[in-house]
N, C-alpha and C. Protein backbone atom coordinates (compact mmCIF):
# COMPACT_ATOMS: atom_id res chain seq x y z
N UNK A 1 -63.39 -83.21 -39.73
CA UNK A 1 -63.34 -83.50 -41.15
C UNK A 1 -63.10 -82.56 -42.01
N UNK A 2 -63.01 -82.60 -43.13
CA UNK A 2 -62.90 -81.66 -44.17
C UNK A 2 -64.06 -81.63 -45.10
N UNK A 3 -64.12 -80.33 -45.76
CA UNK A 3 -65.11 -79.98 -46.84
C UNK A 3 -64.17 -79.69 -48.21
N UNK A 4 -65.12 -79.93 -49.31
CA UNK A 4 -64.56 -79.53 -50.30
C UNK A 4 -64.82 -78.33 -50.97
N UNK A 5 -63.60 -77.56 -51.26
CA UNK A 5 -64.03 -75.96 -51.77
C UNK A 5 -63.34 -75.91 -53.10
N UNK A 6 -64.13 -75.17 -54.17
CA UNK A 6 -63.88 -75.18 -55.47
C UNK A 6 -63.27 -73.75 -55.58
N UNK A 7 -62.97 -73.09 -54.50
CA UNK A 7 -62.28 -71.50 -54.82
C UNK A 7 -61.05 -71.88 -55.58
N UNK A 8 -60.17 -72.77 -55.63
CA UNK A 8 -59.22 -72.91 -56.81
C UNK A 8 -59.36 -72.83 -58.08
N UNK A 9 -60.79 -73.50 -58.35
CA UNK A 9 -61.39 -73.54 -59.73
C UNK A 9 -61.45 -71.99 -60.07
N UNK A 10 -61.92 -71.10 -59.38
CA UNK A 10 -62.28 -69.89 -59.91
C UNK A 10 -61.26 -68.97 -60.14
N UNK A 11 -60.05 -69.07 -59.15
CA UNK A 11 -58.74 -68.60 -59.33
C UNK A 11 -58.26 -69.07 -60.42
N UNK A 12 -58.35 -70.34 -60.89
CA UNK A 12 -57.95 -71.06 -61.98
C UNK A 12 -58.50 -70.28 -63.45
N UNK A 13 -59.72 -70.06 -63.16
CA UNK A 13 -60.36 -69.71 -64.31
C UNK A 13 -59.87 -68.22 -64.62
N UNK A 14 -59.75 -67.35 -63.52
CA UNK A 14 -59.38 -65.93 -63.91
C UNK A 14 -58.00 -65.93 -64.25
N UNK A 15 -57.02 -66.83 -64.02
CA UNK A 15 -55.76 -66.88 -64.26
C UNK A 15 -55.69 -67.09 -65.76
N UNK A 16 -56.28 -68.09 -65.98
CA UNK A 16 -56.70 -68.70 -67.64
C UNK A 16 -57.14 -67.71 -68.52
N UNK A 17 -58.06 -66.63 -67.85
CA UNK A 17 -58.67 -65.67 -68.87
C UNK A 17 -59.78 -66.19 -69.11
N UNK A 18 -60.89 -67.14 -68.66
CA UNK A 18 -61.81 -67.79 -69.27
C UNK A 18 -63.10 -67.42 -68.32
N UNK A 19 -63.79 -66.65 -69.00
CA UNK A 19 -65.29 -66.32 -68.31
C UNK A 19 -66.16 -67.68 -67.95
N UNK A 20 -66.91 -67.54 -67.01
CA UNK A 20 -68.02 -68.65 -66.62
C UNK A 20 -68.89 -68.57 -68.05
N UNK A 21 -69.14 -67.57 -68.79
CA UNK A 21 -69.98 -67.48 -69.77
C UNK A 21 -69.28 -68.28 -70.96
N UNK A 22 -67.99 -68.15 -71.14
CA UNK A 22 -67.61 -68.84 -72.29
C UNK A 22 -67.23 -70.52 -71.87
N UNK A 23 -66.97 -70.47 -70.68
CA UNK A 23 -66.99 -71.94 -70.29
C UNK A 23 -68.06 -72.48 -70.67
N UNK A 24 -69.52 -72.10 -70.11
CA UNK A 24 -70.70 -72.61 -70.51
C UNK A 24 -71.10 -72.53 -72.14
N UNK A 25 -70.75 -71.56 -72.88
CA UNK A 25 -71.07 -71.55 -74.04
C UNK A 25 -70.17 -72.17 -75.14
N UNK A 26 -68.77 -72.11 -74.92
CA UNK A 26 -67.85 -72.48 -75.74
C UNK A 26 -67.09 -74.18 -75.47
N UNK A 27 -67.39 -74.23 -73.92
CA UNK A 27 -66.92 -75.43 -73.83
C UNK A 27 -67.93 -76.43 -73.22
N UNK A 28 -69.03 -76.28 -73.23
CA UNK A 28 -70.13 -76.97 -72.90
C UNK A 28 -70.67 -77.39 -71.57
N UNK A 29 -69.81 -76.62 -70.77
CA UNK A 29 -70.19 -76.95 -69.04
C UNK A 29 -71.49 -76.35 -68.89
N UNK A 30 -72.11 -77.12 -68.10
CA UNK A 30 -73.73 -76.99 -67.91
C UNK A 30 -73.43 -75.87 -66.81
N UNK A 31 -74.83 -75.16 -66.80
CA UNK A 31 -75.19 -74.08 -65.91
C UNK A 31 -74.94 -74.43 -64.39
N UNK A 32 -75.68 -76.01 -64.43
CA UNK A 32 -76.01 -76.66 -63.16
C UNK A 32 -74.43 -76.88 -62.70
N UNK A 33 -73.62 -77.28 -63.24
CA UNK A 33 -72.07 -77.66 -63.01
C UNK A 33 -71.47 -76.48 -62.18
N UNK A 34 -71.79 -75.37 -62.92
CA UNK A 34 -71.27 -74.03 -62.44
C UNK A 34 -71.81 -73.50 -61.18
N UNK A 35 -73.11 -73.77 -60.88
CA UNK A 35 -74.04 -73.42 -59.94
C UNK A 35 -73.30 -74.59 -58.64
N UNK A 36 -73.01 -75.60 -59.11
CA UNK A 36 -72.78 -76.43 -58.00
C UNK A 36 -71.31 -76.18 -57.56
N UNK A 37 -70.48 -75.68 -58.33
CA UNK A 37 -69.02 -75.24 -58.04
C UNK A 37 -69.11 -73.96 -57.28
N UNK A 38 -70.17 -73.09 -57.58
CA UNK A 38 -70.24 -71.77 -56.45
C UNK A 38 -70.78 -72.26 -55.15
N UNK A 39 -71.53 -73.23 -55.14
CA UNK A 39 -72.12 -73.61 -53.81
C UNK A 39 -71.32 -74.68 -53.11
N UNK A 40 -70.21 -75.04 -53.73
CA UNK A 40 -69.28 -76.14 -52.93
C UNK A 40 -70.13 -77.57 -52.86
N UNK A 41 -70.86 -77.60 -53.69
CA UNK A 41 -71.68 -79.02 -54.00
C UNK A 41 -70.73 -79.89 -54.89
N UNK A 42 -71.02 -81.22 -54.79
CA UNK A 42 -70.58 -82.39 -55.41
C UNK A 42 -70.35 -82.26 -56.86
N UNK A 43 -69.39 -82.61 -57.52
CA UNK A 43 -69.24 -82.98 -58.97
C UNK A 43 -68.83 -84.16 -59.17
N UNK A 44 -68.91 -84.69 -60.47
CA UNK A 44 -68.23 -86.19 -60.70
C UNK A 44 -66.80 -85.96 -61.01
N UNK A 45 -66.02 -86.90 -60.97
CA UNK A 45 -64.68 -87.13 -61.32
C UNK A 45 -64.42 -87.03 -63.03
N UNK A 46 -65.55 -87.38 -63.58
CA UNK A 46 -65.35 -86.95 -65.21
C UNK A 46 -65.67 -85.61 -65.27
N UNK A 47 -66.41 -84.77 -64.60
CA UNK A 47 -66.49 -83.33 -64.52
C UNK A 47 -64.94 -82.84 -64.24
N UNK A 48 -64.59 -83.12 -63.20
CA UNK A 48 -63.00 -82.73 -62.89
C UNK A 48 -62.07 -82.90 -63.97
N UNK A 49 -62.13 -84.09 -64.45
CA UNK A 49 -61.38 -84.32 -65.76
C UNK A 49 -61.25 -83.41 -66.88
N UNK A 50 -62.68 -83.18 -67.41
CA UNK A 50 -63.19 -82.44 -68.44
C UNK A 50 -62.83 -80.84 -67.97
N UNK A 51 -62.85 -80.33 -66.81
CA UNK A 51 -62.23 -79.27 -66.35
C UNK A 51 -61.01 -79.08 -66.70
N UNK A 52 -60.28 -79.95 -66.01
CA UNK A 52 -58.74 -79.98 -66.36
C UNK A 52 -58.49 -79.88 -67.77
N UNK A 53 -59.23 -80.59 -68.70
CA UNK A 53 -58.73 -80.33 -69.79
C UNK A 53 -59.01 -79.25 -70.43
N UNK A 54 -59.93 -78.67 -70.03
CA UNK A 54 -60.28 -77.53 -70.68
C UNK A 54 -59.25 -76.16 -70.16
N UNK A 55 -58.93 -76.34 -68.94
CA UNK A 55 -58.06 -75.38 -68.19
C UNK A 55 -56.66 -75.88 -68.27
N UNK A 56 -56.45 -76.75 -68.73
CA UNK A 56 -54.76 -77.52 -68.78
C UNK A 56 -54.27 -76.99 -67.61
N UNK A 57 -54.87 -77.96 -66.83
CA UNK A 57 -54.36 -77.84 -65.27
C UNK A 57 -54.51 -79.28 -64.76
N UNK A 58 -54.33 -79.43 -63.12
CA UNK A 58 -54.32 -80.56 -62.42
C UNK A 58 -55.51 -80.41 -61.28
N UNK A 59 -55.89 -81.54 -60.89
CA UNK A 59 -57.26 -81.37 -60.07
C UNK A 59 -57.04 -80.33 -58.79
N UNK A 60 -55.68 -80.14 -58.04
CA UNK A 60 -55.77 -79.43 -56.94
C UNK A 60 -55.93 -77.73 -57.66
N UNK A 61 -55.82 -77.58 -58.87
CA UNK A 61 -56.45 -76.30 -59.65
C UNK A 61 -57.76 -76.22 -59.56
N UNK A 62 -58.64 -77.06 -59.07
CA UNK A 62 -59.86 -76.88 -59.51
C UNK A 62 -60.67 -77.01 -57.65
N UNK A 63 -59.86 -77.67 -57.12
CA UNK A 63 -60.97 -77.99 -55.72
C UNK A 63 -59.79 -78.21 -54.47
N UNK A 64 -60.07 -77.93 -53.17
CA UNK A 64 -59.20 -78.13 -52.09
C UNK A 64 -59.81 -78.93 -51.12
N UNK A 65 -59.30 -79.33 -50.09
CA UNK A 65 -59.81 -79.99 -48.91
C UNK A 65 -59.98 -78.66 -47.84
N UNK A 66 -60.79 -78.34 -47.08
CA UNK A 66 -60.79 -77.31 -46.30
C UNK A 66 -61.03 -77.91 -44.60
N UNK A 67 -60.44 -77.67 -43.83
CA UNK A 67 -60.93 -78.12 -42.50
C UNK A 67 -62.03 -77.52 -41.98
N UNK A 68 -63.03 -78.60 -41.81
CA UNK A 68 -64.51 -77.78 -41.15
C UNK A 68 -64.25 -77.34 -39.88
N UNK A 69 -64.16 -76.49 -39.25
CA UNK A 69 -63.93 -75.85 -37.76
C UNK A 69 -65.30 -76.25 -37.08
N UNK A 70 -66.09 -76.37 -37.37
CA UNK A 70 -67.20 -76.89 -36.56
C UNK A 70 -66.92 -77.97 -36.23
N UNK A 71 -66.21 -78.90 -36.37
CA UNK A 71 -66.09 -80.21 -35.82
C UNK A 71 -64.68 -80.35 -34.86
């Protein structure tokens, strides 16, 4: 089984030069969403779409599937 990792999102943020603070204050992304991303918790597809528009990227720049080694 795979798990979703949002590590690519944080790499994309860094590459685009956008801070998490700017994402929240200038682009209206909630602190809860950023917290979910930090803890690899689920976000909606509409949130993925919004992040892709903000960052001018594609979904694979936001998340990736990582094989769960425990199974």
